[in-house]
Amino acid sequence: MTRKSPAAGKKARCAAPLPEPPETPQVHRYLLRLYVAGLTARSTTALANLKTVCESHLKGRYELEVCDIYQQPELARREQVVAVPTLIRRLPPPVRRVIGDMSREDRVLIGLDILPEL
């Protein structure tokens, strides 16, 4: 007489875990504040350069505030802005700063910790 094992006739269970679903890239919203000193050539250049970078790399995912240190000196003092133009990324954390006219796109992307799209 042959003896049947208790597992005979039953489906074998898979011991391997199910594969994880592919990770979806996290889409960050960026809150940026650019500090300028009036309508100087350097300030307007920084704003134009920054808008170009943002539209190229953050289209629809950023909010940009422009603060004139002549009109809002208390805000610049609170943020400890010591040179202008200064760009501060408030979101996503951590806070990052870039100083200058934003003419070097690669430096702006590095300063804001944004990976360029390939």
C-alpha atoms as a PDB file:
ATOM      1  CA  MET A   1       0.000   0.000   0.000  1.00  0.00           C
ATOM      2  CA  THR A   2       1.376   3.390  -0.915  1.00  0.00           C
ATOM      3  CA  ARG A   3       1.102   6.141   1.505  1.00  0.00           C
ATOM      4  CA  LYS A   4       0.145   9.647   0.313  1.00  0.00           C
ATOM      5  CA  SER A   5       1.808  12.627   1.842  1.00  0.00           C
ATOM      6  CA  PRO A   6      -0.492  15.211   3.464  1.00  0.00           C
ATOM      7  CA  ALA A   7       0.463  17.701   0.774  1.00  0.00           C
ATOM      8  CA  ALA A   8      -0.469  15.420  -2.084  1.00  0.00           C
ATOM      9  CA  GLY A   9      -3.192  16.838  -4.223  1.00  0.00           C
ATOM     10  CA  LYS A  10      -2.730  20.375  -2.892  1.00  0.00           C
ATOM     11  CA  LYS A  11      -1.127  23.233  -4.777  1.00  0.00           C
ATOM     12  CA  ALA A  12       2.322  24.158  -3.596  1.00  0.00           C
ATOM     13  CA  ARG A  13       2.628  27.567  -1.994  1.00  0.00           C
ATOM     14  CA  CYS A  14       5.126  30.031  -3.320  1.00  0.00           C
ATOM     15  CA  ALA A  15       7.549  31.057  -0.621  1.00  0.00           C
ATOM     16  CA  ALA A  16       8.969  33.983  -2.602  1.00  0.00           C
ATOM     17  CA  PRO A  17       7.432  37.378  -1.788  1.00  0.00           C
ATOM     18  CA  LEU A  18       5.530  39.230  -4.445  1.00  0.00           C
ATOM     19  CA  PRO A  19       7.618  41.744  -6.338  1.00  0.00           C
ATOM     20  CA  GLU A  20       7.302  45.346  -5.201  1.00  0.00           C
ATOM     21  CA  PRO A  21       5.452  47.657  -7.566  1.00  0.00           C
ATOM     22  CA  PRO A  22       7.791  49.963  -9.447  1.00  0.00           C
ATOM     23  CA  GLU A  23       8.495  53.178  -7.601  1.00  0.00           C
ATOM     24  CA  THR A  24       6.932  56.230  -9.100  1.00  0.00           C
ATOM     25  CA  PRO A  25       9.174  59.248  -9.014  1.00  0.00           C
ATOM     26  CA  GLN A  26       8.133  61.672  -6.328  1.00  0.00           C
ATOM     27  CA  VAL A  27       7.021  64.969  -7.815  1.00  0.00           C
ATOM     28  CA  HIS A  28       8.037  67.892  -5.637  1.00  0.00           C
ATOM     29  CA  ARG A  29       6.497  71.347  -5.609  1.00  0.00           C
ATOM     30  CA  TYR A  30       9.094  74.076  -5.320  1.00  0.00           C
ATOM     31  CA  LEU A  31       8.575  77.263  -3.357  1.00  0.00           C
ATOM     32  CA  LEU A  32      11.241  79.763  -4.403  1.00  0.00           C
ATOM     33  CA  ARG A  33      11.892  83.291  -3.205  1.00  0.00           C
ATOM     34  CA  LEU A  34      14.242  85.613  -5.099  1.00  0.00           C
ATOM     35  CA  TYR A  35      15.612  88.604  -3.219  1.00  0.00           C
ATOM     36  CA  VAL A  36      16.578  91.562  -5.408  1.00  0.00           C
ATOM     37  CA  ALA A  37      17.634  95.164  -4.882  1.00  0.00           C
ATOM     38  CA  GLY A  38      15.268  97.295  -6.895  1.00  0.00           C
ATOM     39  CA  LEU A  39      15.152  97.211 -10.682  1.00  0.00           C
ATOM     40  CA  THR A  40      18.895  97.067 -11.236  1.00  0.00           C
ATOM     41  CA  ALA A  41      20.315  95.341 -14.301  1.00  0.00           C
ATOM     42  CA  ARG A  42      21.664  92.518 -12.140  1.00  0.00           C
ATOM     43  CA  SER A  43      18.261  91.976 -10.489  1.00  0.00           C
ATOM     44  CA  THR A  44      16.325  91.886 -13.760  1.00  0.00           C
ATOM     45  CA  THR A  45      18.944  89.574 -15.305  1.00  0.00           C
ATOM     46  CA  ALA A  46      18.684  87.202 -12.332  1.00  0.00           C
ATOM     47  CA  LEU A  47      14.884  87.128 -12.593  1.00  0.00           C
ATOM     48  CA  ALA A  48      14.920  86.464 -16.345  1.00  0.00           C
ATOM     49  CA  ASN A  49      17.560  83.736 -16.007  1.00  0.00           C
ATOM     50  CA  LEU A  50      15.703  82.095 -13.128  1.00  0.00           C
ATOM     51  CA  LYS A  51      12.397  82.074 -15.009  1.00  0.00           C
ATOM     52  CA  THR A  52      14.126  80.369 -17.937  1.00  0.00           C
ATOM     53  CA  VAL A  53      15.587  77.668 -15.677  1.00  0.00           C
ATOM     54  CA  CYS A  54      12.284  77.117 -13.888  1.00  0.00           C
ATOM     55  CA  GLU A  55      10.271  76.852 -17.089  1.00  0.00           C
ATOM     56  CA  SER A  56      12.809  74.376 -18.485  1.00  0.00           C
ATOM     57  CA  HIS A  57      13.103  72.120 -15.437  1.00  0.00           C
ATOM     58  CA  LEU A  58      10.151  72.802 -13.112  1.00  0.00           C
ATOM     59  CA  LYS A  59       7.295  73.753 -15.421  1.00  0.00           C
ATOM     60  CA  GLY A  60       4.032  73.708 -13.482  1.00  0.00           C
ATOM     61  CA  ARG A  61       5.741  72.626 -10.255  1.00  0.00           C
ATOM     62  CA  TYR A  62       7.057  75.886  -8.844  1.00  0.00           C
ATOM     63  CA  GLU A  63       5.946  79.100  -7.230  1.00  0.00           C
ATOM     64  CA  LEU A  64       8.288  82.066  -7.437  1.00  0.00           C
ATOM     65  CA  GLU A  65       8.089  85.114  -5.179  1.00  0.00           C
ATOM     66  CA  VAL A  66      10.230  88.173  -5.864  1.00  0.00           C
ATOM     67  CA  CYS A  67      11.106  90.304  -2.836  1.00  0.00           C
ATOM     68  CA  ASP A  68      12.716  93.724  -3.139  1.00  0.00           C
ATOM     69  CA  ILE A  69      14.959  94.308  -0.130  1.00  0.00           C
ATOM     70  CA  TYR A  70      14.345  98.056  -0.407  1.00  0.00           C
ATOM     71  CA  GLN A  71      10.604  97.559   0.023  1.00  0.00           C
ATOM     72  CA  GLN A  72      10.768  94.668   2.523  1.00  0.00           C
ATOM     73  CA  PRO A  73      14.021  95.015   4.479  1.00  0.00           C
ATOM     74  CA  GLU A  74      12.616  93.209   7.527  1.00  0.00           C
ATOM     75  CA  LEU A  75      11.942  90.096   5.451  1.00  0.00           C
ATOM     76  CA  ALA A  76      15.483  90.099   4.074  1.00  0.00           C
ATOM     77  CA  ARG A  77      16.839  90.568   7.593  1.00  0.00           C
ATOM     78  CA  ARG A  78      14.726  87.693   8.913  1.00  0.00           C
ATOM     79  CA  GLU A  79      15.965  85.425   6.100  1.00  0.00           C
ATOM     80  CA  GLN A  80      19.563  86.605   6.743  1.00  0.00           C
ATOM     81  CA  VAL A  81      20.074  87.730   3.155  1.00  0.00           C
ATOM     82  CA  VAL A  82      23.542  89.293   2.965  1.00  0.00           C
ATOM     83  CA  ALA A  83      23.917  89.628  -0.819  1.00  0.00           C
ATOM     84  CA  VAL A  84      21.532  90.133  -3.709  1.00  0.00           C
ATOM     85  CA  PRO A  85      20.293  88.608  -5.876  1.00  0.00           C
ATOM     86  CA  THR A  86      19.740  85.616  -3.566  1.00  0.00           C
ATOM     87  CA  LEU A  87      17.430  82.734  -4.357  1.00  0.00           C
ATOM     88  CA  ILE A  88      16.063  80.682  -1.459  1.00  0.00           C
ATOM     89  CA  ARG A  89      14.349  77.356  -2.005  1.00  0.00           C
ATOM     90  CA  ARG A  90      11.868  76.951   0.878  1.00  0.00           C
ATOM     91  CA  LEU A  91      10.252  73.734  -0.386  1.00  0.00           C
ATOM     92  CA  PRO A  92      11.061  70.892  -0.641  1.00  0.00           C
ATOM     93  CA  PRO A  93      13.236  70.751   2.485  1.00  0.00           C
ATOM     94  CA  PRO A  94      16.015  71.372   3.256  1.00  0.00           C
ATOM     95  CA  VAL A  95      16.275  75.095   2.578  1.00  0.00           C
ATOM     96  CA  ARG A  96      18.833  75.848  -0.158  1.00  0.00           C
ATOM     97  CA  ARG A  97      20.372  79.172  -1.284  1.00  0.00           C
ATOM     98  CA  VAL A  98      21.892  80.383  -4.531  1.00  0.00           C
ATOM     99  CA  ILE A  99      23.561  83.784  -4.806  1.00  0.00           C
ATOM    100  CA  GLY A 100      24.259  85.585  -8.072  1.00  0.00           C
ATOM    101  CA  ASP A 101      22.604  86.497 -11.353  1.00  0.00           C
ATOM    102  CA  MET A 102      21.523  82.885 -12.080  1.00  0.00           C
ATOM    103  CA  SER A 103      23.313  82.972 -15.442  1.00  0.00           C
ATOM    104  CA  ARG A 104      24.974  79.561 -14.978  1.00  0.00           C
ATOM    105  CA  GLU A 105      22.105  77.121 -15.329  1.00  0.00           C
ATOM    106  CA  ASP A 106      24.221  74.190 -14.161  1.00  0.00           C
ATOM    107  CA  ARG A 107      25.118  76.041 -10.953  1.00  0.00           C
ATOM    108  CA  VAL A 108      21.496  76.981 -10.298  1.00  0.00           C
ATOM    109  CA  LEU A 109      20.396  73.362 -10.755  1.00  0.00           C
ATOM    110  CA  ILE A 110      23.123  72.120  -8.428  1.00  0.00           C
ATOM    111  CA  GLY A 111      22.358  74.829  -5.875  1.00  0.00           C
ATOM    112  CA  LEU A 112      18.674  73.951  -5.861  1.00  0.00           C
ATOM    113  CA  ASP A 113      19.433  70.208  -5.876  1.00  0.00           C
ATOM    114  CA  ILE A 114      17.508  69.658  -9.106  1.00  0.00           C
ATOM    115  CA  LEU A 115      18.584  66.854 -11.401  1.00  0.00           C
ATOM    116  CA  PRO A 116      18.518  67.966 -15.015  1.00  0.00           C
ATOM    117  CA  GLU A 117      16.223  65.975 -17.283  1.00  0.00           C
ATOM    118  CA  LEU A 118      18.183  63.883 -19.747  1.00  0.00           C
END
